[in-house]
Amino acid sequence: IALGTRDGVVKRVRPDYLARDSWEVIRLADGDEVIGAQELVDEHCNLAFITSDAQLLHYKADLVRPQGRTGGGVAGIKLGKGASVIWFGLADPDVDEVVTVSGSSGSLPGTEAGSAKITPLAEYPTKGRGTGGVRCHRFLKGEDALIAAGIGAAPMMATAASGSPVELPEGHARRDGSGTPLAQPVVEIAGRLSTQAEKE
């Protein structure tokens, strides 16, 4: 299992602990929390982070050494001042796409429509673990943060607070372009899990 936290920590859990009924999966620093956790198919999977200041970083899972139950993880991504991780998971650069939704960091979740962008993950180069990411969204006037994001196989979907679908724009080739204004607020981005597992 691979886990990523809000403060940019990543951890791979050694398989010998997975047979237990209950155990602490990661030792967290005060104020940190797990943002995402996924089972790895193999060490050739890519792990990816997206941050609130529109940075995306992905790299091979084998750059993260597995740890035991008490391990606190290692640096997964270098965060900018005031930034936090908003999405972590598996990513397949061959087929996955990136959905980012920008808005104001001061707005309550689900109250601002914001601007959305869809870009092939292949547009973003891999970098080393613990480094800064690559800009994945250019903010428009009045925007200062990503309020939702996700990576997965097409078709990616977005939902409003009511659970109703929100129409996303067409794909955008520019990795650091700005988004297209949405008609209603998005609270969640979802899609099929990375097709890494389907290759096995």
C-alpha atoms as a PDB file:
ATOM      1  CA  ILE A   1       0.000   0.000   0.000  1.00  0.00           C
ATOM      2  CA  ALA A   2       1.193   3.524  -0.786  1.00  0.00           C
ATOM      3  CA  LEU A   3      -0.010   6.517   1.232  1.00  0.00           C
ATOM      4  CA  GLY A   4       0.387  10.269   0.713  1.00  0.00           C
ATOM      5  CA  THR A   5      -0.304  12.982   3.265  1.00  0.00           C
ATOM      6  CA  ARG A   6      -1.371  16.615   3.238  1.00  0.00           C
ATOM      7  CA  ASP A   7       2.140  17.692   4.249  1.00  0.00           C
ATOM      8  CA  GLY A   8       3.735  15.891   1.292  1.00  0.00           C
ATOM      9  CA  VAL A   9       4.908  12.704   3.015  1.00  0.00           C
ATOM     10  CA  VAL A  10       4.788   9.378   1.160  1.00  0.00           C
ATOM     11  CA  LYS A  11       4.998   5.878   2.611  1.00  0.00           C
ATOM     12  CA  ARG A  12       4.994   2.375   1.203  1.00  0.00           C
ATOM     13  CA  VAL A  13       3.923  -0.246   3.740  1.00  0.00           C
ATOM     14  CA  ARG A  14       5.759  -3.565   3.824  1.00  0.00           C
ATOM     15  CA  PRO A  15       3.417  -6.426   2.777  1.00  0.00           C
ATOM     16  CA  ASP A  16       4.083  -8.520   5.910  1.00  0.00           C
ATOM     17  CA  TYR A  17       1.948  -6.096   7.944  1.00  0.00           C
ATOM     18  CA  LEU A  18      -1.110  -6.345   5.716  1.00  0.00           C
ATOM     19  CA  ALA A  19      -2.384  -9.605   7.249  1.00  0.00           C
ATOM     20  CA  ARG A  20      -3.071  -8.035  10.653  1.00  0.00           C
ATOM     21  CA  ASP A  21      -6.631  -7.165  11.688  1.00  0.00           C
ATOM     22  CA  SER A  22      -5.830  -3.674  12.962  1.00  0.00           C
ATOM     23  CA  TRP A  23      -2.689  -1.541  13.031  1.00  0.00           C
ATOM     24  CA  GLU A  24      -1.441   2.002  12.667  1.00  0.00           C
ATOM     25  CA  VAL A  25      -0.531   2.409   9.001  1.00  0.00           C
ATOM     26  CA  ILE A  26       1.602   5.558   9.306  1.00  0.00           C
ATOM     27  CA  ARG A  27       2.967   7.738  12.082  1.00  0.00           C
ATOM     28  CA  LEU A  28       1.698  11.262  11.351  1.00  0.00           C
ATOM     29  CA  ALA A  29       3.141  14.576  12.504  1.00  0.00           C
ATOM     30  CA  ASP A  30       0.782  16.889  14.392  1.00  0.00           C
ATOM     31  CA  GLY A  31      -1.724  18.454  12.012  1.00  0.00           C
ATOM     32  CA  ASP A  32      -0.947  16.102   9.110  1.00  0.00           C
ATOM     33  CA  GLU A  33      -3.488  13.694   7.607  1.00  0.00           C
ATOM     34  CA  VAL A  34      -3.634  10.968   4.947  1.00  0.00           C
ATOM     35  CA  ILE A  35      -4.968  12.330   1.642  1.00  0.00           C
ATOM     36  CA  GLY A  36      -4.863   9.109  -0.387  1.00  0.00           C
ATOM     37  CA  ALA A  37      -3.999   5.408  -0.094  1.00  0.00           C
ATOM     38  CA  GLN A  38      -3.897   2.806  -2.848  1.00  0.00           C
ATOM     39  CA  GLU A  39      -2.702  -0.748  -3.310  1.00  0.00           C
ATOM     40  CA  LEU A  40       0.311  -1.038  -5.606  1.00  0.00           C
ATOM     41  CA  VAL A  41       0.210  -3.576  -8.393  1.00  0.00           C
ATOM     42  CA  ASP A  42       4.013  -3.544  -8.611  1.00  0.00           C
ATOM     43  CA  GLU A  43       6.979  -1.235  -8.098  1.00  0.00           C
ATOM     44  CA  HIS A  44       6.661   0.087 -11.647  1.00  0.00           C
ATOM     45  CA  CYS A  45       3.514   2.040 -10.808  1.00  0.00           C
ATOM     46  CA  ASN A  46       3.788   5.817 -10.711  1.00  0.00           C
ATOM     47  CA  LEU A  47       2.867   7.735  -7.564  1.00  0.00           C
ATOM     48  CA  ALA A  48       1.489  11.252  -8.036  1.00  0.00           C
ATOM     49  CA  PHE A  49       0.801  14.338  -5.921  1.00  0.00           C
ATOM     50  CA  ILE A  50      -1.228  17.444  -6.774  1.00  0.00           C
ATOM     51  CA  THR A  51      -0.945  20.468  -4.470  1.00  0.00           C
ATOM     52  CA  SER A  52      -3.153  23.421  -3.646  1.00  0.00           C
ATOM     53  CA  ASP A  53      -0.747  25.802  -5.412  1.00  0.00           C
ATOM     54  CA  ALA A  54      -1.148  23.850  -8.684  1.00  0.00           C
ATOM     55  CA  GLN A  55       2.004  21.727  -8.635  1.00  0.00           C
ATOM     56  CA  LEU A  56       1.962  18.142  -9.960  1.00  0.00           C
ATOM     57  CA  LEU A  57       4.698  15.586  -9.282  1.00  0.00           C
ATOM     58  CA  HIS A  58       4.842  11.948 -10.339  1.00  0.00           C
ATOM     59  CA  TYR A  59       7.585   9.322 -10.150  1.00  0.00           C
ATOM     60  CA  LYS A  60       8.110   5.562  -9.969  1.00  0.00           C
ATOM     61  CA  ALA A  61       7.009   3.851  -6.746  1.00  0.00           C
ATOM     62  CA  ASP A  62      10.374   2.093  -6.447  1.00  0.00           C
ATOM     63  CA  LEU A  63      11.897   5.437  -5.421  1.00  0.00           C
ATOM     64  CA  VAL A  64      10.099   4.960  -2.085  1.00  0.00           C
ATOM     65  CA  ARG A  65      11.611   2.271   0.150  1.00  0.00           C
ATOM     66  CA  PRO A  66       8.934   0.178   1.950  1.00  0.00           C
ATOM     67  CA  GLN A  67       8.726   0.726   5.716  1.00  0.00           C
ATOM     68  CA  GLY A  68       7.317  -1.155   8.661  1.00  0.00           C
ATOM     69  CA  ARG A  69       4.327  -0.323  10.848  1.00  0.00           C
ATOM     70  CA  THR A  70       5.998   2.417  12.877  1.00  0.00           C
ATOM     71  CA  GLY A  71       7.580   4.204   9.930  1.00  0.00           C
ATOM     72  CA  GLY A  72       6.611   7.819   9.360  1.00  0.00           C
ATOM     73  CA  GLY A  73       7.272   7.845   5.618  1.00  0.00           C
ATOM     74  CA  VAL A  74       9.691   9.998   3.628  1.00  0.00           C
ATOM     75  CA  ALA A  75       9.521  13.276   1.736  1.00  0.00           C
ATOM     76  CA  GLY A  76       7.191  12.762  -1.211  1.00  0.00           C
ATOM     77  CA  ILE A  77       6.922  16.280  -2.623  1.00  0.00           C
ATOM     78  CA  LYS A  78       8.494  19.597  -1.694  1.00  0.00           C
ATOM     79  CA  LEU A  79       5.705  22.030  -0.878  1.00  0.00           C
ATOM     80  CA  GLY A  80       5.664  25.743  -1.499  1.00  0.00           C
ATOM     81  CA  LYS A  81       4.939  28.151   1.355  1.00  0.00           C
ATOM     82  CA  GLY A  82       1.356  27.727   2.550  1.00  0.00           C
ATOM     83  CA  ALA A  83       0.647  24.885   0.094  1.00  0.00           C
ATOM     84  CA  SER A  84      -0.727  21.443   0.901  1.00  0.00           C
ATOM     85  CA  VAL A  85      -1.404  18.209  -0.969  1.00  0.00           C
ATOM     86  CA  ILE A  86      -5.006  17.918  -2.199  1.00  0.00           C
ATOM     87  CA  TRP A  87      -4.675  14.650  -4.176  1.00  0.00           C
ATOM     88  CA  PHE A  88      -2.428  11.584  -4.001  1.00  0.00           C
ATOM     89  CA  GLY A  89      -2.671   8.271  -5.809  1.00  0.00           C
ATOM     90  CA  LEU A  90      -1.476   6.007  -8.612  1.00  0.00           C
ATOM     91  CA  ALA A  91      -1.004   7.391 -12.093  1.00  0.00           C
ATOM     92  CA  ASP A  92      -0.323   5.908 -15.528  1.00  0.00           C
ATOM     93  CA  PRO A  93       1.309   8.438 -17.884  1.00  0.00           C
ATOM     94  CA  ASP A  94       0.346   6.347 -20.910  1.00  0.00           C
ATOM     95  CA  VAL A  95      -3.422   6.691 -20.497  1.00  0.00           C
ATOM     96  CA  ASP A  96      -4.408   8.849 -17.516  1.00  0.00           C
ATOM     97  CA  GLU A  97      -5.559  12.438 -17.589  1.00  0.00           C
ATOM     98  CA  VAL A  98      -5.356  15.193 -14.998  1.00  0.00           C
ATOM     99  CA  VAL A  99      -8.392  17.224 -13.916  1.00  0.00           C
ATOM    100  CA  THR A 100      -7.789  20.429 -11.960  1.00  0.00           C
ATOM    101  CA  VAL A 101     -10.349  22.938 -10.691  1.00  0.00           C
ATOM    102  CA  SER A 102      -9.159  26.369  -9.551  1.00  0.00           C
ATOM    103  CA  GLY A 103     -10.868  28.919  -7.341  1.00  0.00           C
ATOM    104  CA  SER A 104     -10.424  31.044  -4.255  1.00  0.00           C
ATOM    105  CA  SER A 105      -8.836  29.504  -1.170  1.00  0.00           C
ATOM    106  CA  GLY A 106     -11.138  31.655   0.965  1.00  0.00           C
ATOM    107  CA  SER A 107     -14.371  30.161  -0.366  1.00  0.00           C
ATOM    108  CA  LEU A 108     -16.289  27.439   1.434  1.00  0.00           C
ATOM    109  CA  PRO A 109     -16.104  24.033  -0.310  1.00  0.00           C
ATOM    110  CA  GLY A 110     -18.900  23.559  -2.826  1.00  0.00           C
ATOM    111  CA  THR A 111     -19.824  27.247  -3.045  1.00  0.00           C
ATOM    112  CA  GLU A 112     -17.624  28.440  -5.926  1.00  0.00           C
ATOM    113  CA  ALA A 113     -17.808  27.108  -9.472  1.00  0.00           C
ATOM    114  CA  GLY A 114     -14.200  27.875 -10.383  1.00  0.00           C
ATOM    115  CA  SER A 115     -12.436  26.911 -13.613  1.00  0.00           C
ATOM    116  CA  ALA A 116     -11.606  23.372 -14.749  1.00  0.00           C
ATOM    117  CA  LYS A 117      -8.934  21.940 -17.032  1.00  0.00           C
ATOM    118  CA  ILE A 118      -8.281  18.422 -18.333  1.00  0.00           C
ATOM    119  CA  THR A 119      -4.777  17.559 -19.567  1.00  0.00           C
ATOM    120  CA  PRO A 120      -3.101  14.243 -20.487  1.00  0.00           C
ATOM    121  CA  LEU A 121      -0.723  13.160 -17.714  1.00  0.00           C
ATOM    122  CA  ALA A 122       1.879  12.462 -20.421  1.00  0.00           C
ATOM    123  CA  GLU A 123       2.315  16.247 -20.740  1.00  0.00           C
ATOM    124  CA  TYR A 124       3.944  16.347 -17.286  1.00  0.00           C
ATOM    125  CA  PRO A 125       7.521  15.055 -16.997  1.00  0.00           C
ATOM    126  CA  THR A 126       8.523  12.771 -14.158  1.00  0.00           C
ATOM    127  CA  LYS A 127      10.834  14.237 -11.524  1.00  0.00           C
ATOM    128  CA  GLY A 128      12.623  12.906  -8.468  1.00  0.00           C
ATOM    129  CA  ARG A 129      10.967  12.047  -5.176  1.00  0.00           C
ATOM    130  CA  GLY A 130      10.913  14.922  -2.713  1.00  0.00           C
ATOM    131  CA  THR A 131      11.308  17.596  -5.378  1.00  0.00           C
ATOM    132  CA  GLY A 132       8.931  20.381  -6.356  1.00  0.00           C
ATOM    133  CA  GLY A 133       6.305  19.628  -8.930  1.00  0.00           C
ATOM    134  CA  VAL A 134       5.486  21.044 -12.360  1.00  0.00           C
ATOM    135  CA  ARG A 135       2.803  23.733 -12.666  1.00  0.00           C
ATOM    136  CA  CYS A 136      -0.411  22.096 -13.815  1.00  0.00           C
ATOM    137  CA  HIS A 137      -2.878  25.004 -13.834  1.00  0.00           C
ATOM    138  CA  ARG A 138      -2.567  28.759 -14.388  1.00  0.00           C
ATOM    139  CA  PHE A 139      -4.830  30.775 -12.100  1.00  0.00           C
ATOM    140  CA  LEU A 140      -7.216  33.378 -13.499  1.00  0.00           C
ATOM    141  CA  LYS A 141      -7.981  36.697 -11.807  1.00  0.00           C
ATOM    142  CA  GLY A 142      -9.550  36.075  -8.398  1.00  0.00           C
ATOM    143  CA  GLU A 143      -8.188  32.504  -8.196  1.00  0.00           C
ATOM    144  CA  ASP A 144      -5.322  31.520  -5.911  1.00  0.00           C
ATOM    145  CA  ALA A 145      -5.649  27.773  -5.302  1.00  0.00           C
ATOM    146  CA  LEU A 146      -6.789  24.440  -6.654  1.00  0.00           C
ATOM    147  CA  ILE A 147     -10.035  23.495  -4.930  1.00  0.00           C
ATOM    148  CA  ALA A 148     -10.324  20.021  -6.488  1.00  0.00           C
ATOM    149  CA  ALA A 149      -8.123  17.709  -8.541  1.00  0.00           C
ATOM    150  CA  GLY A 150      -7.759  14.117  -9.652  1.00  0.00           C
ATOM    151  CA  ILE A 151      -5.859  11.774 -11.961  1.00  0.00           C
ATOM    152  CA  GLY A 152      -7.385   8.747 -13.639  1.00  0.00           C
ATOM    153  CA  ALA A 153      -8.395   7.066 -16.854  1.00  0.00           C
ATOM    154  CA  ALA A 154     -10.921   8.818 -19.058  1.00  0.00           C
ATOM    155  CA  PRO A 155     -13.709   9.635 -18.802  1.00  0.00           C
ATOM    156  CA  MET A 156     -13.097  11.660 -15.652  1.00  0.00           C
ATOM    157  CA  MET A 157     -16.179  12.966 -13.880  1.00  0.00           C
ATOM    158  CA  ALA A 158     -17.015  15.747 -11.459  1.00  0.00           C
ATOM    159  CA  THR A 159     -19.872  15.992  -8.982  1.00  0.00           C
ATOM    160  CA  ALA A 160     -21.584  18.841  -7.153  1.00  0.00           C
ATOM    161  CA  ALA A 161     -22.470  18.845  -3.448  1.00  0.00           C
ATOM    162  CA  SER A 162     -25.903  17.451  -4.363  1.00  0.00           C
ATOM    163  CA  GLY A 163     -24.262  14.472  -6.053  1.00  0.00           C
ATOM    164  CA  SER A 164     -25.345  15.597  -9.506  1.00  0.00           C
ATOM    165  CA  PRO A 165     -22.751  15.486 -12.308  1.00  0.00           C
ATOM    166  CA  VAL A 166     -20.908  18.631 -13.356  1.00  0.00           C
ATOM    167  CA  GLU A 167     -19.958  18.894 -17.023  1.00  0.00           C
ATOM    168  CA  LEU A 168     -16.212  19.198 -17.547  1.00  0.00           C
ATOM    169  CA  PRO A 169     -14.571  20.993 -20.491  1.00  0.00           C
ATOM    170  CA  GLU A 170     -12.818  19.316 -23.400  1.00  0.00           C
ATOM    171  CA  GLY A 171      -9.228  18.191 -22.908  1.00  0.00           C
ATOM    172  CA  HIS A 172      -6.495  20.841 -22.979  1.00  0.00           C
ATOM    173  CA  ALA A 173      -3.024  20.106 -24.336  1.00  0.00           C
ATOM    174  CA  ARG A 174      -1.187  22.893 -22.455  1.00  0.00           C
ATOM    175  CA  ARG A 175      -0.024  21.565 -19.121  1.00  0.00           C
ATOM    176  CA  ASP A 176       0.134  25.016 -17.470  1.00  0.00           C
ATOM    177  CA  GLY A 177      -2.889  26.603 -19.172  1.00  0.00           C
ATOM    178  CA  SER A 178      -5.803  28.207 -17.362  1.00  0.00           C
ATOM    179  CA  GLY A 179      -9.147  26.505 -16.936  1.00  0.00           C
ATOM    180  CA  THR A 180     -12.613  26.950 -18.433  1.00  0.00           C
ATOM    181  CA  PRO A 181     -15.268  28.457 -16.101  1.00  0.00           C
ATOM    182  CA  LEU A 182     -17.711  25.867 -14.761  1.00  0.00           C
ATOM    183  CA  ALA A 183     -21.479  26.293 -14.493  1.00  0.00           C
ATOM    184  CA  GLN A 184     -21.656  24.985 -10.920  1.00  0.00           C
ATOM    185  CA  PRO A 185     -19.329  24.193  -7.991  1.00  0.00           C
ATOM    186  CA  VAL A 186     -17.404  20.913  -7.918  1.00  0.00           C
ATOM    187  CA  VAL A 187     -16.825  19.013  -4.672  1.00  0.00           C
ATOM    188  CA  GLU A 188     -15.281  15.825  -6.051  1.00  0.00           C
ATOM    189  CA  ILE A 189     -13.326  14.572  -9.057  1.00  0.00           C
ATOM    190  CA  ALA A 190     -13.539  10.873  -9.860  1.00  0.00           C
ATOM    191  CA  GLY A 191     -12.707   8.416 -12.588  1.00  0.00           C
ATOM    192  CA  ARG A 192     -11.722   4.833 -13.051  1.00  0.00           C
ATOM    193  CA  LEU A 193      -8.620   3.889 -11.085  1.00  0.00           C
ATOM    194  CA  SER A 194      -5.362   3.966 -12.992  1.00  0.00           C
ATOM    195  CA  THR A 195      -5.288   1.252 -15.643  1.00  0.00           C
ATOM    196  CA  GLN A 196      -1.955   0.024 -14.218  1.00  0.00           C
ATOM    197  CA  ALA A 197      -3.914  -2.889 -12.702  1.00  0.00           C
ATOM    198  CA  GLU A 198      -5.544  -3.758 -16.033  1.00  0.00           C
ATOM    199  CA  LYS A 199      -2.145  -4.373 -17.605  1.00  0.00           C
ATOM    200  CA  GLU A 200      -1.410  -7.260 -15.245  1.00  0.00           C
END
